[in-house]
Amino acid sequence: MESTIEVSCIACGYEKGISMLAHTEEIAYFGEHTQVTLACPSCGWRQTDFIPAQARDGSCQTYRIASVEDLQIRVIRGSACTVRLLELDLEVRPGSHSTGYVSNIEGVLNRFQDVIDMVGRQAAAEGNQEAIAQLTTLTEAMLEIRAGQRDATLEFLDPHGHSMILTDGVESRPLTNAEIEDLPTGPAAGIMEAGAAKSRAGPVTEE
């Protein structure tokens, strides 16, 4: 279902409404969910989220990556989810352009490595040898994780409860009050939820 939401774009301030595309489907281990994509016709800003049919409380999901086979485990990351690799002290928090995605653990590691590479290029341009050495150590650790030579703990903290690591052996717990206060909630969360509700209710006539 595609429609127009009468709100301003959070990126450029465009005031004539943003488009919303929503559809509901079944994902193995995740159940019925609605994929909602918002897009601005003016600046091209785009955001996607995955919203379960049943409301969920905020949760922390933790999984120990211990083998090459673990890299193929599927994950769903909601737009409000903070992702951590604990032993490497790496964390990615959602910003104003955060978007949800369906991937696997290898894809999550790729996203971390992309950030490491980007910071590394900046450090090289500035001639910051200390930063280059630290980033090289992180890259070596990431290669060891991919090769199954090093364990690592992957953590998804989602105040909306939309994110999941889809395998057995995942530890799941509610977020603490302190974590809920500290964690960002992601952009345009209310609009996303409204879009999902419309999609689950069936087609909506636009005037």
C-alpha atoms as a PDB file:
ATOM      1  CA  MET A   1       0.000   0.000   0.000  1.00  0.00           C
ATOM      2  CA  GLU A   2       1.386   3.388  -0.989  1.00  0.00           C
ATOM      3  CA  SER A   3       0.114   6.679   0.378  1.00  0.00           C
ATOM      4  CA  THR A   4       1.223  10.170   1.374  1.00  0.00           C
ATOM      5  CA  ILE A   5       1.844  11.189   4.975  1.00  0.00           C
ATOM      6  CA  GLU A   6       1.109  14.841   5.653  1.00  0.00           C
ATOM      7  CA  VAL A   7       4.260  15.603   7.629  1.00  0.00           C
ATOM      8  CA  SER A   8       7.419  17.557   6.841  1.00  0.00           C
ATOM      9  CA  CYS A   9      10.591  15.760   5.806  1.00  0.00           C
ATOM     10  CA  ILE A  10      12.911  15.386   8.803  1.00  0.00           C
ATOM     11  CA  ALA A  11      15.947  15.851   6.533  1.00  0.00           C
ATOM     12  CA  CYS A  12      15.127  18.875   4.348  1.00  0.00           C
ATOM     13  CA  GLY A  13      11.880  20.261   5.794  1.00  0.00           C
ATOM     14  CA  TYR A  14       9.821  19.658   2.626  1.00  0.00           C
ATOM     15  CA  GLU A  15       6.239  20.471   3.687  1.00  0.00           C
ATOM     16  CA  LYS A  16       4.062  18.826   1.025  1.00  0.00           C
ATOM     17  CA  GLY A  17       4.161  15.363   2.554  1.00  0.00           C
ATOM     18  CA  ILE A  18       6.351  12.286   2.257  1.00  0.00           C
ATOM     19  CA  SER A  19       5.443   9.008   0.581  1.00  0.00           C
ATOM     20  CA  MET A  20       4.914   5.831   2.566  1.00  0.00           C
ATOM     21  CA  LEU A  21       5.038   2.294   1.176  1.00  0.00           C
ATOM     22  CA  ALA A  22       3.895  -0.486   3.528  1.00  0.00           C
ATOM     23  CA  HIS A  23       3.320  -4.182   3.044  1.00  0.00           C
ATOM     24  CA  THR A  24       2.830  -7.094   5.420  1.00  0.00           C
ATOM     25  CA  GLU A  25       4.453 -10.510   5.084  1.00  0.00           C
ATOM     26  CA  GLU A  26       5.666 -13.497   7.084  1.00  0.00           C
ATOM     27  CA  ILE A  27       9.349 -13.905   8.012  1.00  0.00           C
ATOM     28  CA  ALA A  28      10.573 -17.262   9.326  1.00  0.00           C
ATOM     29  CA  TYR A  29      11.144 -17.185  13.119  1.00  0.00           C
ATOM     30  CA  PHE A  30       9.924 -13.579  13.206  1.00  0.00           C
ATOM     31  CA  GLY A  31       6.250 -13.986  12.373  1.00  0.00           C
ATOM     32  CA  GLU A  32       4.025 -11.492  10.602  1.00  0.00           C
ATOM     33  CA  HIS A  33       5.617  -8.097  10.211  1.00  0.00           C
ATOM     34  CA  THR A  34       5.089  -4.910   8.259  1.00  0.00           C
ATOM     35  CA  GLN A  35       7.865  -3.332   6.232  1.00  0.00           C
ATOM     36  CA  VAL A  36       7.364   0.423   6.135  1.00  0.00           C
ATOM     37  CA  THR A  37       9.446   2.682   3.882  1.00  0.00           C
ATOM     38  CA  LEU A  38       9.254   6.469   4.027  1.00  0.00           C
ATOM     39  CA  ALA A  39      10.682   8.617   1.227  1.00  0.00           C
ATOM     40  CA  CYS A  40      10.907  12.340   0.541  1.00  0.00           C
ATOM     41  CA  PRO A  41      10.153  13.334  -3.083  1.00  0.00           C
ATOM     42  CA  SER A  42      12.226  16.491  -2.667  1.00  0.00           C
ATOM     43  CA  CYS A  43      15.621  15.469  -1.242  1.00  0.00           C
ATOM     44  CA  GLY A  44      15.502  11.687  -1.618  1.00  0.00           C
ATOM     45  CA  TRP A  45      15.712  10.943   2.121  1.00  0.00           C
ATOM     46  CA  ARG A  46      14.614   7.368   2.721  1.00  0.00           C
ATOM     47  CA  GLN A  47      14.018   5.211   5.775  1.00  0.00           C
ATOM     48  CA  THR A  48      12.856   1.617   6.206  1.00  0.00           C
ATOM     49  CA  ASP A  49      11.747  -0.224   9.331  1.00  0.00           C
ATOM     50  CA  PHE A  50      10.372  -3.670  10.161  1.00  0.00           C
ATOM     51  CA  ILE A  51       7.500  -3.688  12.640  1.00  0.00           C
ATOM     52  CA  PRO A  52       6.066  -6.899  14.146  1.00  0.00           C
ATOM     53  CA  ALA A  53       2.310  -7.463  14.041  1.00  0.00           C
ATOM     54  CA  GLN A  54       2.230  -7.799  17.830  1.00  0.00           C
ATOM     55  CA  ALA A  55       3.617  -5.023  19.995  1.00  0.00           C
ATOM     56  CA  ARG A  56       6.871  -5.906  21.753  1.00  0.00           C
ATOM     57  CA  ASP A  57       8.709  -4.450  24.704  1.00  0.00           C
ATOM     58  CA  GLY A  58      12.224  -3.128  24.349  1.00  0.00           C
ATOM     59  CA  SER A  59      14.763  -5.931  24.413  1.00  0.00           C
ATOM     60  CA  CYS A  60      18.439  -6.811  24.372  1.00  0.00           C
ATOM     61  CA  GLN A  61      19.414  -9.831  22.270  1.00  0.00           C
ATOM     62  CA  THR A  62      22.906 -11.291  22.665  1.00  0.00           C
ATOM     63  CA  TYR A  63      24.661 -13.977  20.626  1.00  0.00           C
ATOM     64  CA  ARG A  64      28.166 -15.408  20.864  1.00  0.00           C
ATOM     65  CA  ILE A  65      29.795 -15.637  17.413  1.00  0.00           C
ATOM     66  CA  ALA A  66      32.018 -18.702  17.630  1.00  0.00           C
ATOM     67  CA  SER A  67      32.346 -20.201  14.135  1.00  0.00           C
ATOM     68  CA  VAL A  68      32.379 -19.428  10.427  1.00  0.00           C
ATOM     69  CA  GLU A  69      28.899 -20.957  10.171  1.00  0.00           C
ATOM     70  CA  ASP A  70      27.561 -18.322  12.575  1.00  0.00           C
ATOM     71  CA  LEU A  71      28.200 -15.654   9.929  1.00  0.00           C
ATOM     72  CA  GLN A  72      25.170 -16.905   7.965  1.00  0.00           C
ATOM     73  CA  ILE A  73      22.702 -16.463  10.840  1.00  0.00           C
ATOM     74  CA  ARG A  74      19.900 -14.121   9.777  1.00  0.00           C
ATOM     75  CA  VAL A  75      19.224 -10.901  11.640  1.00  0.00           C
ATOM     76  CA  ILE A  76      16.560  -8.219  11.551  1.00  0.00           C
ATOM     77  CA  ARG A  77      17.733  -4.813  12.680  1.00  0.00           C
ATOM     78  CA  GLY A  78      15.093  -2.154  13.348  1.00  0.00           C
ATOM     79  CA  SER A  79      15.845   1.514  12.756  1.00  0.00           C
ATOM     80  CA  ALA A  80      16.059   2.204  16.521  1.00  0.00           C
ATOM     81  CA  CYS A  81      18.474  -0.644  17.273  1.00  0.00           C
ATOM     82  CA  THR A  82      21.915  -0.045  18.771  1.00  0.00           C
ATOM     83  CA  VAL A  83      24.389  -2.738  17.655  1.00  0.00           C
ATOM     84  CA  ARG A  84      27.480  -3.671  19.668  1.00  0.00           C
ATOM     85  CA  LEU A  85      30.499  -5.956  19.343  1.00  0.00           C
ATOM     86  CA  LEU A  86      31.398  -6.135  22.997  1.00  0.00           C
ATOM     87  CA  GLU A  87      34.969  -7.471  22.989  1.00  0.00           C
ATOM     88  CA  LEU A  88      36.068  -4.927  20.381  1.00  0.00           C
ATOM     89  CA  ASP A  89      34.255  -2.083  22.172  1.00  0.00           C
ATOM     90  CA  LEU A  90      32.447  -1.172  18.933  1.00  0.00           C
ATOM     91  CA  GLU A  91      28.975   0.358  18.874  1.00  0.00           C
ATOM     92  CA  VAL A  92      26.704   1.749  16.165  1.00  0.00           C
ATOM     93  CA  ARG A  93      23.789   3.873  17.350  1.00  0.00           C
ATOM     94  CA  PRO A  94      20.865   4.950  15.150  1.00  0.00           C
ATOM     95  CA  GLY A  95      21.033   8.505  13.865  1.00  0.00           C
ATOM     96  CA  SER A  96      18.542  10.718  12.065  1.00  0.00           C
ATOM     97  CA  HIS A  97      18.946   8.700   8.834  1.00  0.00           C
ATOM     98  CA  SER A  98      18.977   5.250  10.456  1.00  0.00           C
ATOM     99  CA  THR A  99      17.166   2.532   8.540  1.00  0.00           C
ATOM    100  CA  GLY A 100      16.158  -1.039   9.284  1.00  0.00           C
ATOM    101  CA  TYR A 101      17.466  -4.001   7.335  1.00  0.00           C
ATOM    102  CA  VAL A 102      17.316  -7.789   7.012  1.00  0.00           C
ATOM    103  CA  SER A 103      20.780  -9.322   6.698  1.00  0.00           C
ATOM    104  CA  ASN A 104      23.028 -11.875   8.400  1.00  0.00           C
ATOM    105  CA  ILE A 105      25.819 -11.640  10.963  1.00  0.00           C
ATOM    106  CA  GLU A 106      28.406 -11.323   8.202  1.00  0.00           C
ATOM    107  CA  GLY A 107      26.483  -8.315   6.867  1.00  0.00           C
ATOM    108  CA  VAL A 108      26.556  -6.724  10.331  1.00  0.00           C
ATOM    109  CA  LEU A 109      30.337  -7.255  10.501  1.00  0.00           C
ATOM    110  CA  ASN A 110      30.653  -5.698   7.031  1.00  0.00           C
ATOM    111  CA  ARG A 111      28.893  -2.583   8.266  1.00  0.00           C
ATOM    112  CA  PHE A 112      31.281  -2.299  11.191  1.00  0.00           C
ATOM    113  CA  GLN A 113      34.245  -2.784   8.861  1.00  0.00           C
ATOM    114  CA  ASP A 114      32.949  -0.075   6.505  1.00  0.00           C
ATOM    115  CA  VAL A 115      33.042   2.384   9.408  1.00  0.00           C
ATOM    116  CA  ILE A 116      36.537   1.238  10.432  1.00  0.00           C
ATOM    117  CA  ASP A 117      37.748   1.716   6.840  1.00  0.00           C
ATOM    118  CA  MET A 118      36.168   5.164   6.594  1.00  0.00           C
ATOM    119  CA  VAL A 119      37.800   6.327   9.840  1.00  0.00           C
ATOM    120  CA  GLY A 120      41.060   4.756   8.676  1.00  0.00           C
ATOM    121  CA  ARG A 121      41.065   6.817   5.471  1.00  0.00           C
ATOM    122  CA  GLN A 122      40.529   9.966   7.509  1.00  0.00           C
ATOM    123  CA  ALA A 123      43.355   9.006   9.891  1.00  0.00           C
ATOM    124  CA  ALA A 124      45.671   8.355   6.938  1.00  0.00           C
ATOM    125  CA  ALA A 125      44.832  11.735   5.423  1.00  0.00           C
ATOM    126  CA  GLU A 126      45.692  13.392   8.743  1.00  0.00           C
ATOM    127  CA  GLY A 127      48.798  11.295   9.302  1.00  0.00           C
ATOM    128  CA  ASN A 128      47.480  10.065  12.667  1.00  0.00           C
ATOM    129  CA  GLN A 129      49.706   7.039  13.226  1.00  0.00           C
ATOM    130  CA  GLU A 130      48.245   6.143  16.612  1.00  0.00           C
ATOM    131  CA  ALA A 131      44.717   5.953  15.191  1.00  0.00           C
ATOM    132  CA  ILE A 132      45.956   3.986  12.166  1.00  0.00           C
ATOM    133  CA  ALA A 133      47.576   1.409  14.479  1.00  0.00           C
ATOM    134  CA  GLN A 134      44.387   1.037  16.539  1.00  0.00           C
ATOM    135  CA  LEU A 135      42.239   0.661  13.441  1.00  0.00           C
ATOM    136  CA  THR A 136      44.640  -1.907  11.985  1.00  0.00           C
ATOM    137  CA  THR A 137      44.305  -3.934  15.198  1.00  0.00           C
ATOM    138  CA  LEU A 138      40.506  -3.772  14.891  1.00  0.00           C
ATOM    139  CA  THR A 139      40.629  -4.933  11.261  1.00  0.00           C
ATOM    140  CA  GLU A 140      42.850  -7.873  12.219  1.00  0.00           C
ATOM    141  CA  ALA A 141      40.390  -8.817  14.981  1.00  0.00           C
ATOM    142  CA  MET A 142      37.492  -8.655  12.514  1.00  0.00           C
ATOM    143  CA  LEU A 143      39.352 -10.979  10.120  1.00  0.00           C
ATOM    144  CA  GLU A 144      39.919 -13.450  12.968  1.00  0.00           C
ATOM    145  CA  ILE A 145      36.187 -13.401  13.813  1.00  0.00           C
ATOM    146  CA  ARG A 146      35.296 -14.092  10.169  1.00  0.00           C
ATOM    147  CA  ALA A 147      37.788 -16.986  10.074  1.00  0.00           C
ATOM    148  CA  GLY A 148      36.360 -18.552  13.239  1.00  0.00           C
ATOM    149  CA  GLN A 149      39.641 -17.928  15.082  1.00  0.00           C
ATOM    150  CA  ARG A 150      38.186 -15.491  17.593  1.00  0.00           C
ATOM    151  CA  ASP A 151      34.876 -15.376  19.457  1.00  0.00           C
ATOM    152  CA  ALA A 152      32.857 -12.173  19.672  1.00  0.00           C
ATOM    153  CA  THR A 153      29.616 -11.156  21.356  1.00  0.00           C
ATOM    154  CA  LEU A 154      27.012  -9.469  19.156  1.00  0.00           C
ATOM    155  CA  GLU A 155      24.380  -7.418  20.973  1.00  0.00           C
ATOM    156  CA  PHE A 156      21.173  -5.843  19.644  1.00  0.00           C
ATOM    157  CA  LEU A 157      19.525  -3.302  21.951  1.00  0.00           C
ATOM    158  CA  ASP A 158      16.182  -2.132  20.576  1.00  0.00           C
ATOM    159  CA  PRO A 159      13.834   0.078  22.645  1.00  0.00           C
ATOM    160  CA  HIS A 160      10.995  -0.830  20.246  1.00  0.00           C
ATOM    161  CA  GLY A 161      11.633  -4.585  20.296  1.00  0.00           C
ATOM    162  CA  HIS A 162      11.707  -4.807  16.478  1.00  0.00           C
ATOM    163  CA  SER A 163      15.174  -6.388  16.169  1.00  0.00           C
ATOM    164  CA  MET A 164      16.027 -10.084  16.348  1.00  0.00           C
ATOM    165  CA  ILE A 165      18.919 -12.509  15.898  1.00  0.00           C
ATOM    166  CA  LEU A 166      17.199 -15.497  14.296  1.00  0.00           C
ATOM    167  CA  THR A 167      18.828 -18.602  15.731  1.00  0.00           C
ATOM    168  CA  ASP A 168      18.874 -20.874  18.742  1.00  0.00           C
ATOM    169  CA  GLY A 169      21.112 -19.967  21.665  1.00  0.00           C
ATOM    170  CA  VAL A 170      20.272 -16.270  21.663  1.00  0.00           C
ATOM    171  CA  GLU A 171      20.040 -14.683  25.099  1.00  0.00           C
ATOM    172  CA  SER A 172      17.129 -12.259  25.337  1.00  0.00           C
ATOM    173  CA  ARG A 173      16.237  -9.944  28.212  1.00  0.00           C
ATOM    174  CA  PRO A 174      14.186  -6.781  28.775  1.00  0.00           C
ATOM    175  CA  LEU A 175      16.033  -3.489  28.650  1.00  0.00           C
ATOM    176  CA  THR A 176      16.705  -1.862  31.996  1.00  0.00           C
ATOM    177  CA  ASN A 177      15.229   1.555  32.758  1.00  0.00           C
ATOM    178  CA  ALA A 178      18.712   3.066  32.527  1.00  0.00           C
ATOM    179  CA  GLU A 179      19.230   1.551  29.077  1.00  0.00           C
ATOM    180  CA  ILE A 180      15.845   2.787  27.858  1.00  0.00           C
ATOM    181  CA  GLU A 181      16.686   6.322  28.994  1.00  0.00           C
ATOM    182  CA  ASP A 182      20.126   6.201  27.368  1.00  0.00           C
ATOM    183  CA  LEU A 183      19.296   4.550  24.040  1.00  0.00           C
ATOM    184  CA  PRO A 184      18.094   6.595  21.040  1.00  0.00           C
ATOM    185  CA  THR A 185      14.646   5.626  19.760  1.00  0.00           C
ATOM    186  CA  GLY A 186      15.275   6.124  16.052  1.00  0.00           C
ATOM    187  CA  PRO A 187      13.828   8.633  13.588  1.00  0.00           C
ATOM    188  CA  ALA A 188      10.141   9.036  12.785  1.00  0.00           C
ATOM    189  CA  ALA A 189       9.117   6.144  15.027  1.00  0.00           C
ATOM    190  CA  GLY A 190       5.536   7.343  15.424  1.00  0.00           C
ATOM    191  CA  ILE A 191       5.046   7.676  11.680  1.00  0.00           C
ATOM    192  CA  MET A 192       6.393   4.166  11.149  1.00  0.00           C
ATOM    193  CA  GLU A 193       3.996   2.680  13.690  1.00  0.00           C
ATOM    194  CA  ALA A 194       1.082   4.567  12.107  1.00  0.00           C
ATOM    195  CA  GLY A 195       2.062   3.237   8.696  1.00  0.00           C
ATOM    196  CA  ALA A 196       2.171  -0.318   9.986  1.00  0.00           C
ATOM    197  CA  ALA A 197      -1.245   0.067  11.603  1.00  0.00           C
ATOM    198  CA  LYS A 198      -2.711   1.303   8.312  1.00  0.00           C
ATOM    199  CA  SER A 199      -1.183  -1.590   6.413  1.00  0.00           C
ATOM    200  CA  ARG A 200      -2.565  -4.192   8.819  1.00  0.00           C
ATOM    201  CA  ALA A 201      -6.027  -2.569   8.652  1.00  0.00           C
ATOM    202  CA  GLY A 202      -6.185  -2.898   4.859  1.00  0.00           C
ATOM    203  CA  PRO A 203      -6.266  -0.305   2.068  1.00  0.00           C
ATOM    204  CA  VAL A 204      -6.928   3.276   3.071  1.00  0.00           C
ATOM    205  CA  THR A 205      -8.615   5.657   0.681  1.00  0.00           C
ATOM    206  CA  GLU A 206      -6.680   8.876   0.137  1.00  0.00           C
ATOM    207  CA  GLU A 207      -8.598  12.070  -0.576  1.00  0.00           C
END
